[in-house]
Amino acid sequence: SGLADPNLWTDRLYATDLTVNWYWNQYLRVLFDWQHAEFGSPVYYRPGGLQKTSDLFLVRFQVWF
């Protein structure tokens, strides 16, 4: 309804997320995360470039005190 241009953006997204937590000790945690997304139709990610999939890698360190 006019919120997004269907020629530029997709109407479907399939995502897979895998996370591993490593508790180093009682105060430290390390999180490793991978997310893979597949779009129903290619989307623009930069001027002149189309993308059908997207991957995200994340490492997070957490300290409790």
PDB file of N, CA and C in Angstrom:
ATOM      1  N   SER A   1       0.830  -1.202   0.000  1.00  0.00           N
ATOM      2  CA  SER A   1       0.000   0.000   0.000  1.00  0.00           C
ATOM      3  C   SER A   1       0.868   1.257   0.000  1.00  0.00           C
ATOM      4  N   GLY A   2       1.896   1.268  -0.830  1.00  0.00           N
ATOM      5  CA  GLY A   2       2.704   2.467  -0.967  1.00  0.00           C
ATOM      6  C   GLY A   2       3.831   2.604   0.033  1.00  0.00           C
ATOM      7  N   LEU A   3       4.042   1.635   0.906  1.00  0.00           N
ATOM      8  CA  LEU A   3       5.100   1.754   1.907  1.00  0.00           C
ATOM      9  C   LEU A   3       6.466   1.358   1.362  1.00  0.00           C
ATOM     10  N   ALA A   4       6.511   0.401   0.450  1.00  0.00           N
ATOM     11  CA  ALA A   4       7.780  -0.053  -0.122  1.00  0.00           C
ATOM     12  C   ALA A   4       7.587  -0.303  -1.613  1.00  0.00           C
ATOM     13  N   ASP A   5       8.577   0.017  -2.393  1.00  0.00           N
ATOM     14  CA  ASP A   5       8.544  -0.183  -3.836  1.00  0.00           C
ATOM     15  C   ASP A   5       8.814  -1.652  -4.136  1.00  0.00           C
ATOM     16  N   PRO A   6       7.841  -2.402  -4.673  1.00  0.00           N
ATOM     17  CA  PRO A   6       8.055  -3.828  -4.939  1.00  0.00           C
ATOM     18  C   PRO A   6       9.102  -4.086  -6.012  1.00  0.00           C
ATOM     19  N   ASN A   7       9.501  -3.082  -6.771  1.00  0.00           N
ATOM     20  CA  ASN A   7      10.559  -3.257  -7.760  1.00  0.00           C
ATOM     21  C   ASN A   7      11.944  -3.240  -7.121  1.00  0.00           C
ATOM     22  N   LEU A   8      12.056  -2.691  -5.935  1.00  0.00           N
ATOM     23  CA  LEU A   8      13.339  -2.602  -5.239  1.00  0.00           C
ATOM     24  C   LEU A   8      13.478  -3.609  -4.099  1.00  0.00           C
ATOM     25  N   TRP A   9      12.371  -4.017  -3.494  1.00  0.00           N
ATOM     26  CA  TRP A   9      12.411  -4.838  -2.290  1.00  0.00           C
ATOM     27  C   TRP A   9      11.630  -6.124  -2.492  1.00  0.00           C
ATOM     28  N   THR A  10      11.922  -7.109  -1.705  1.00  0.00           N
ATOM     29  CA  THR A  10      11.267  -8.412  -1.809  1.00  0.00           C
ATOM     30  C   THR A  10      10.085  -8.492  -0.846  1.00  0.00           C
ATOM     31  N   ASP A  11       9.202  -9.452  -1.091  1.00  0.00           N
ATOM     32  CA  ASP A  11       8.080  -9.658  -0.184  1.00  0.00           C
ATOM     33  C   ASP A  11       8.220 -10.958   0.617  1.00  0.00           C
ATOM     34  N   ARG A  12       9.364 -11.662   0.440  1.00  0.00           N
ATOM     35  CA  ARG A  12       9.609 -12.910   1.175  1.00  0.00           C
ATOM     36  C   ARG A  12      11.046 -12.933   1.697  1.00  0.00           C
ATOM     37  N   LEU A  13      11.206 -13.537   2.863  1.00  0.00           N
ATOM     38  CA  LEU A  13      12.529 -13.681   3.468  1.00  0.00           C
ATOM     39  C   LEU A  13      12.559 -14.995   4.236  1.00  0.00           C
ATOM     40  N   TYR A  14      13.603 -15.778   3.994  1.00  0.00           N
ATOM     41  CA  TYR A  14      13.816 -17.023   4.715  1.00  0.00           C
ATOM     42  C   TYR A  14      15.137 -16.882   5.465  1.00  0.00           C
ATOM     43  N   ALA A  15      15.104 -17.103   6.765  1.00  0.00           N
ATOM     44  CA  ALA A  15      16.306 -16.876   7.574  1.00  0.00           C
ATOM     45  C   ALA A  15      16.641 -18.104   8.420  1.00  0.00           C
ATOM     46  N   THR A  16      17.935 -18.364   8.551  1.00  0.00           N
ATOM     47  CA  THR A  16      18.464 -19.411   9.423  1.00  0.00           C
ATOM     48  C   THR A  16      19.448 -18.741  10.374  1.00  0.00           C
ATOM     49  N   ASP A  17      19.329 -19.051  11.654  1.00  0.00           N
ATOM     50  CA  ASP A  17      20.192 -18.435  12.662  1.00  0.00           C
ATOM     51  C   ASP A  17      20.793 -19.543  13.520  1.00  0.00           C
ATOM     52  N   LEU A  18      22.106 -19.504  13.679  1.00  0.00           N
ATOM     53  CA  LEU A  18      22.810 -20.485  14.504  1.00  0.00           C
ATOM     54  C   LEU A  18      23.666 -19.728  15.514  1.00  0.00           C
ATOM     55  N   THR A  19      23.452 -20.017  16.787  1.00  0.00           N
ATOM     56  CA  THR A  19      24.167 -19.324  17.861  1.00  0.00           C
ATOM     57  C   THR A  19      24.841 -20.342  18.779  1.00  0.00           C
ATOM     58  N   VAL A  20      26.072 -20.035  19.167  1.00  0.00           N
ATOM     59  CA  VAL A  20      26.806 -20.858  20.127  1.00  0.00           C
ATOM     60  C   VAL A  20      27.255 -19.941  21.259  1.00  0.00           C
ATOM     61  N   ASN A  21      26.928 -20.323  22.476  1.00  0.00           N
ATOM     62  CA  ASN A  21      27.377 -19.611  23.665  1.00  0.00           C
ATOM     63  C   ASN A  21      28.498 -20.398  24.320  1.00  0.00           C
ATOM     64  N   TRP A  22      29.559 -19.700  24.683  1.00  0.00           N
ATOM     65  CA  TRP A  22      30.671 -20.332  25.375  1.00  0.00           C
ATOM     66  C   TRP A  22      30.847 -19.581  26.689  1.00  0.00           C
ATOM     67  N   TYR A  23      30.589 -20.266  27.799  1.00  0.00           N
ATOM     68  CA  TYR A  23      30.745 -19.678  29.122  1.00  0.00           C
ATOM     69  C   TYR A  23      32.158 -19.968  29.599  1.00  0.00           C
ATOM     70  N   TRP A  24      33.024 -18.972  29.468  1.00  0.00           N
ATOM     71  CA  TRP A  24      34.440 -19.101  29.788  1.00  0.00           C
ATOM     72  C   TRP A  24      34.620 -19.394  31.276  1.00  0.00           C
ATOM     73  N   ASN A  25      33.918 -18.638  32.108  1.00  0.00           N
ATOM     74  CA  ASN A  25      33.844 -18.875  33.543  1.00  0.00           C
ATOM     75  C   ASN A  25      32.538 -18.242  34.014  1.00  0.00           C
ATOM     76  N   GLN A  26      32.356 -18.089  35.321  1.00  0.00           N
ATOM     77  CA  GLN A  26      31.073 -17.571  35.818  1.00  0.00           C
ATOM     78  C   GLN A  26      30.858 -16.090  35.516  1.00  0.00           C
ATOM     79  N   TYR A  27      31.884 -15.382  35.043  1.00  0.00           N
ATOM     80  CA  TYR A  27      31.769 -13.952  34.767  1.00  0.00           C
ATOM     81  C   TYR A  27      31.855 -13.594  33.281  1.00  0.00           C
ATOM     82  N   LEU A  28      32.374 -14.487  32.464  1.00  0.00           N
ATOM     83  CA  LEU A  28      32.596 -14.170  31.044  1.00  0.00           C
ATOM     84  C   LEU A  28      31.834 -15.122  30.136  1.00  0.00           C
ATOM     85  N   ARG A  29      31.211 -14.540  29.113  1.00  0.00           N
ATOM     86  CA  ARG A  29      30.521 -15.323  28.094  1.00  0.00           C
ATOM     87  C   ARG A  29      30.939 -14.803  26.727  1.00  0.00           C
ATOM     88  N   VAL A  30      31.136 -15.720  25.786  1.00  0.00           N
ATOM     89  CA  VAL A  30      31.425 -15.367  24.399  1.00  0.00           C
ATOM     90  C   VAL A  30      30.313 -15.970  23.553  1.00  0.00           C
ATOM     91  N   LEU A  31      29.715 -15.151  22.697  1.00  0.00           N
ATOM     92  CA  LEU A  31      28.629 -15.590  21.831  1.00  0.00           C
ATOM     93  C   LEU A  31      29.089 -15.509  20.383  1.00  0.00           C
ATOM     94  N   PHE A  32      28.912 -16.590  19.643  1.00  0.00           N
ATOM     95  CA  PHE A  32      29.191 -16.635  18.212  1.00  0.00           C
ATOM     96  C   PHE A  32      27.856 -16.832  17.504  1.00  0.00           C
ATOM     97  N   ASP A  33      27.567 -16.007  16.517  1.00  0.00           N
ATOM     98  CA  ASP A  33      26.274 -16.066  15.843  1.00  0.00           C
ATOM     99  C   ASP A  33      26.475 -15.968  14.335  1.00  0.00           C
ATOM    100  N   TRP A  34      25.745 -16.797  13.595  1.00  0.00           N
ATOM    101  CA  TRP A  34      25.730 -16.745  12.133  1.00  0.00           C
ATOM    102  C   TRP A  34      24.278 -16.716  11.693  1.00  0.00           C
ATOM    103  N   GLN A  35      23.947 -15.779  10.840  1.00  0.00           N
ATOM    104  CA  GLN A  35      22.596 -15.674  10.296  1.00  0.00           C
ATOM    105  C   GLN A  35      22.682 -15.642   8.774  1.00  0.00           C
ATOM    106  N   HIS A  36      21.930 -16.517   8.140  1.00  0.00           N
ATOM    107  CA  HIS A  36      21.869 -16.584   6.682  1.00  0.00           C
ATOM    108  C   HIS A  36      20.443 -16.272   6.255  1.00  0.00           C
ATOM    109  N   ALA A  37      20.288 -15.321   5.345  1.00  0.00           N
ATOM    110  CA  ALA A  37      18.964 -14.927   4.855  1.00  0.00           C
ATOM    111  C   ALA A  37      18.907 -15.076   3.341  1.00  0.00           C
ATOM    112  N   GLU A  38      17.774 -15.573   2.853  1.00  0.00           N
ATOM    113  CA  GLU A  38      17.526 -15.679   1.418  1.00  0.00           C
ATOM    114  C   GLU A  38      16.276 -14.872   1.101  1.00  0.00           C
ATOM    115  N   PHE A  39      16.380 -14.008   0.115  1.00  0.00           N
ATOM    116  CA  PHE A  39      15.273 -13.148  -0.281  1.00  0.00           C
ATOM    117  C   PHE A  39      14.471 -13.817  -1.390  1.00  0.00           C
ATOM    118  N   GLY A  40      13.164 -13.569  -1.414  1.00  0.00           N
ATOM    119  CA  GLY A  40      12.302 -14.135  -2.440  1.00  0.00           C
ATOM    120  C   GLY A  40      12.662 -13.657  -3.833  1.00  0.00           C
ATOM    121  N   SER A  41      13.122 -12.436  -3.946  1.00  0.00           N
ATOM    122  CA  SER A  41      13.603 -11.877  -5.205  1.00  0.00           C
ATOM    123  C   SER A  41      14.812 -11.003  -4.876  1.00  0.00           C
ATOM    124  N   PRO A  42      15.742 -10.808  -5.813  1.00  0.00           N
ATOM    125  CA  PRO A  42      16.942 -10.020  -5.515  1.00  0.00           C
ATOM    126  C   PRO A  42      16.601  -8.598  -5.057  1.00  0.00           C
ATOM    127  N   VAL A  43      17.381  -8.087  -4.117  1.00  0.00           N
ATOM    128  CA  VAL A  43      17.190  -6.735  -3.588  1.00  0.00           C
ATOM    129  C   VAL A  43      18.451  -5.921  -3.830  1.00  0.00           C
ATOM    130  N   TYR A  44      18.295  -4.607  -3.851  1.00  0.00           N
ATOM    131  CA  TYR A  44      19.440  -3.713  -4.013  1.00  0.00           C
ATOM    132  C   TYR A  44      20.177  -3.578  -2.693  1.00  0.00           C
ATOM    133  N   TYR A  45      21.490  -3.761  -2.703  1.00  0.00           N
ATOM    134  CA  TYR A  45      22.289  -3.559  -1.492  1.00  0.00           C
ATOM    135  C   TYR A  45      23.324  -2.467  -1.685  1.00  0.00           C
ATOM    136  N   ARG A  46      23.510  -1.989  -2.903  1.00  0.00           N
ATOM    137  CA  ARG A  46      24.368  -0.852  -3.214  1.00  0.00           C
ATOM    138  C   ARG A  46      23.941  -0.361  -4.592  1.00  0.00           C
ATOM    139  N   PRO A  47      24.305   0.843  -4.974  1.00  0.00           N
ATOM    140  CA  PRO A  47      23.920   1.329  -6.302  1.00  0.00           C
ATOM    141  C   PRO A  47      24.402   0.389  -7.409  1.00  0.00           C
ATOM    142  N   GLY A  48      23.478  -0.116  -8.187  1.00  0.00           N
ATOM    143  CA  GLY A  48      23.811  -0.997  -9.293  1.00  0.00           C
ATOM    144  C   GLY A  48      24.039  -2.438  -8.924  1.00  0.00           C
ATOM    145  N   GLY A  49      23.864  -2.810  -7.655  1.00  0.00           N
ATOM    146  CA  GLY A  49      24.131  -4.184  -7.219  1.00  0.00           C
ATOM    147  C   GLY A  49      22.903  -4.849  -6.639  1.00  0.00           C
ATOM    148  N   LEU A  50      22.674  -6.077  -7.054  1.00  0.00           N
ATOM    149  CA  LEU A  50      21.570  -6.869  -6.529  1.00  0.00           C
ATOM    150  C   LEU A  50      22.123  -8.002  -5.676  1.00  0.00           C
ATOM    151  N   GLN A  51      21.331  -8.427  -4.711  1.00  0.00           N
ATOM    152  CA  GLN A  51      21.759  -9.479  -3.799  1.00  0.00           C
ATOM    153  C   GLN A  51      20.586 -10.407  -3.544  1.00  0.00           C
ATOM    154  N   LYS A  52      20.819 -11.717  -3.629  1.00  0.00           N
ATOM    155  CA  LYS A  52      19.776 -12.717  -3.395  1.00  0.00           C
ATOM    156  C   LYS A  52      19.869 -13.310  -1.987  1.00  0.00           C
ATOM    157  N   THR A  53      21.086 -13.291  -1.395  1.00  0.00           N
ATOM    158  CA  THR A  53      21.293 -13.816  -0.039  1.00  0.00           C
ATOM    159  C   THR A  53      22.104 -12.818   0.779  1.00  0.00           C
ATOM    160  N   SER A  54      22.076 -13.025   2.082  1.00  0.00           N
ATOM    161  CA  SER A  54      22.826 -12.169   2.994  1.00  0.00           C
ATOM    162  C   SER A  54      23.330 -13.023   4.153  1.00  0.00           C
ATOM    163  N   ASP A  55      24.577 -12.791   4.574  1.00  0.00           N
ATOM    164  CA  ASP A  55      25.153 -13.496   5.717  1.00  0.00           C
ATOM    165  C   ASP A  55      25.632 -12.481   6.752  1.00  0.00           C
ATOM    166  N   LEU A  56      25.391 -12.807   8.013  1.00  0.00           N
ATOM    167  CA  LEU A  56      25.806 -11.960   9.119  1.00  0.00           C
ATOM    168  C   LEU A  56      26.583 -12.822  10.101  1.00  0.00           C
ATOM    169  N   PHE A  57      27.775 -12.364  10.491  1.00  0.00           N
ATOM    170  CA  PHE A  57      28.588 -13.032  11.504  1.00  0.00           C
ATOM    171  C   PHE A  57      28.754 -12.067  12.675  1.00  0.00           C
ATOM    172  N   LEU A  58      28.551 -12.578  13.884  1.00  0.00           N
ATOM    173  CA  LEU A  58      28.591 -11.731  15.070  1.00  0.00           C
ATOM    174  C   LEU A  58      29.352 -12.451  16.174  1.00  0.00           C
ATOM    175  N   VAL A  59      30.267 -11.726  16.826  1.00  0.00           N
ATOM    176  CA  VAL A  59      30.965 -12.230  18.017  1.00  0.00           C
ATOM    177  C   VAL A  59      30.715 -11.215  19.118  1.00  0.00           C
ATOM    178  N   ARG A  60      30.274 -11.699  20.260  1.00  0.00           N
ATOM    179  CA  ARG A  60      29.938 -10.801  21.367  1.00  0.00           C
ATOM    180  C   ARG A  60      30.592 -11.317  22.644  1.00  0.00           C
ATOM    181  N   PHE A  61      31.230 -10.411  23.366  1.00  0.00           N
ATOM    182  CA  PHE A  61      31.828 -10.727  24.663  1.00  0.00           C
ATOM    183  C   PHE A  61      30.981 -10.059  25.732  1.00  0.00           C
ATOM    184  N   GLN A  62      30.635 -10.814  26.770  1.00  0.00           N
ATOM    185  CA  GLN A  62      29.796 -10.285  27.836  1.00  0.00           C
ATOM    186  C   GLN A  62      30.454 -10.544  29.186  1.00  0.00           C
ATOM    187  N   VAL A  63      30.476  -9.522  30.038  1.00  0.00           N
ATOM    188  CA  VAL A  63      31.059  -9.605  31.373  1.00  0.00           C
ATOM    189  C   VAL A  63      29.967  -9.337  32.396  1.00  0.00           C
ATOM    190  N   TRP A  64      29.822 -10.243  33.361  1.00  0.00           N
ATOM    191  CA  TRP A  64      28.902 -10.036  34.471  1.00  0.00           C
ATOM    192  C   TRP A  64      29.687  -9.644  35.710  1.00  0.00           C
ATOM    193  N   PHE A  65      29.210  -8.606  36.390  1.00  0.00           N
ATOM    194  CA  PHE A  65      29.849  -8.214  37.651  1.00  0.00           C
ATOM    195  C   PHE A  65      28.826  -7.637  38.595  1.00  0.00           C
TER     196      PHE A  65
END
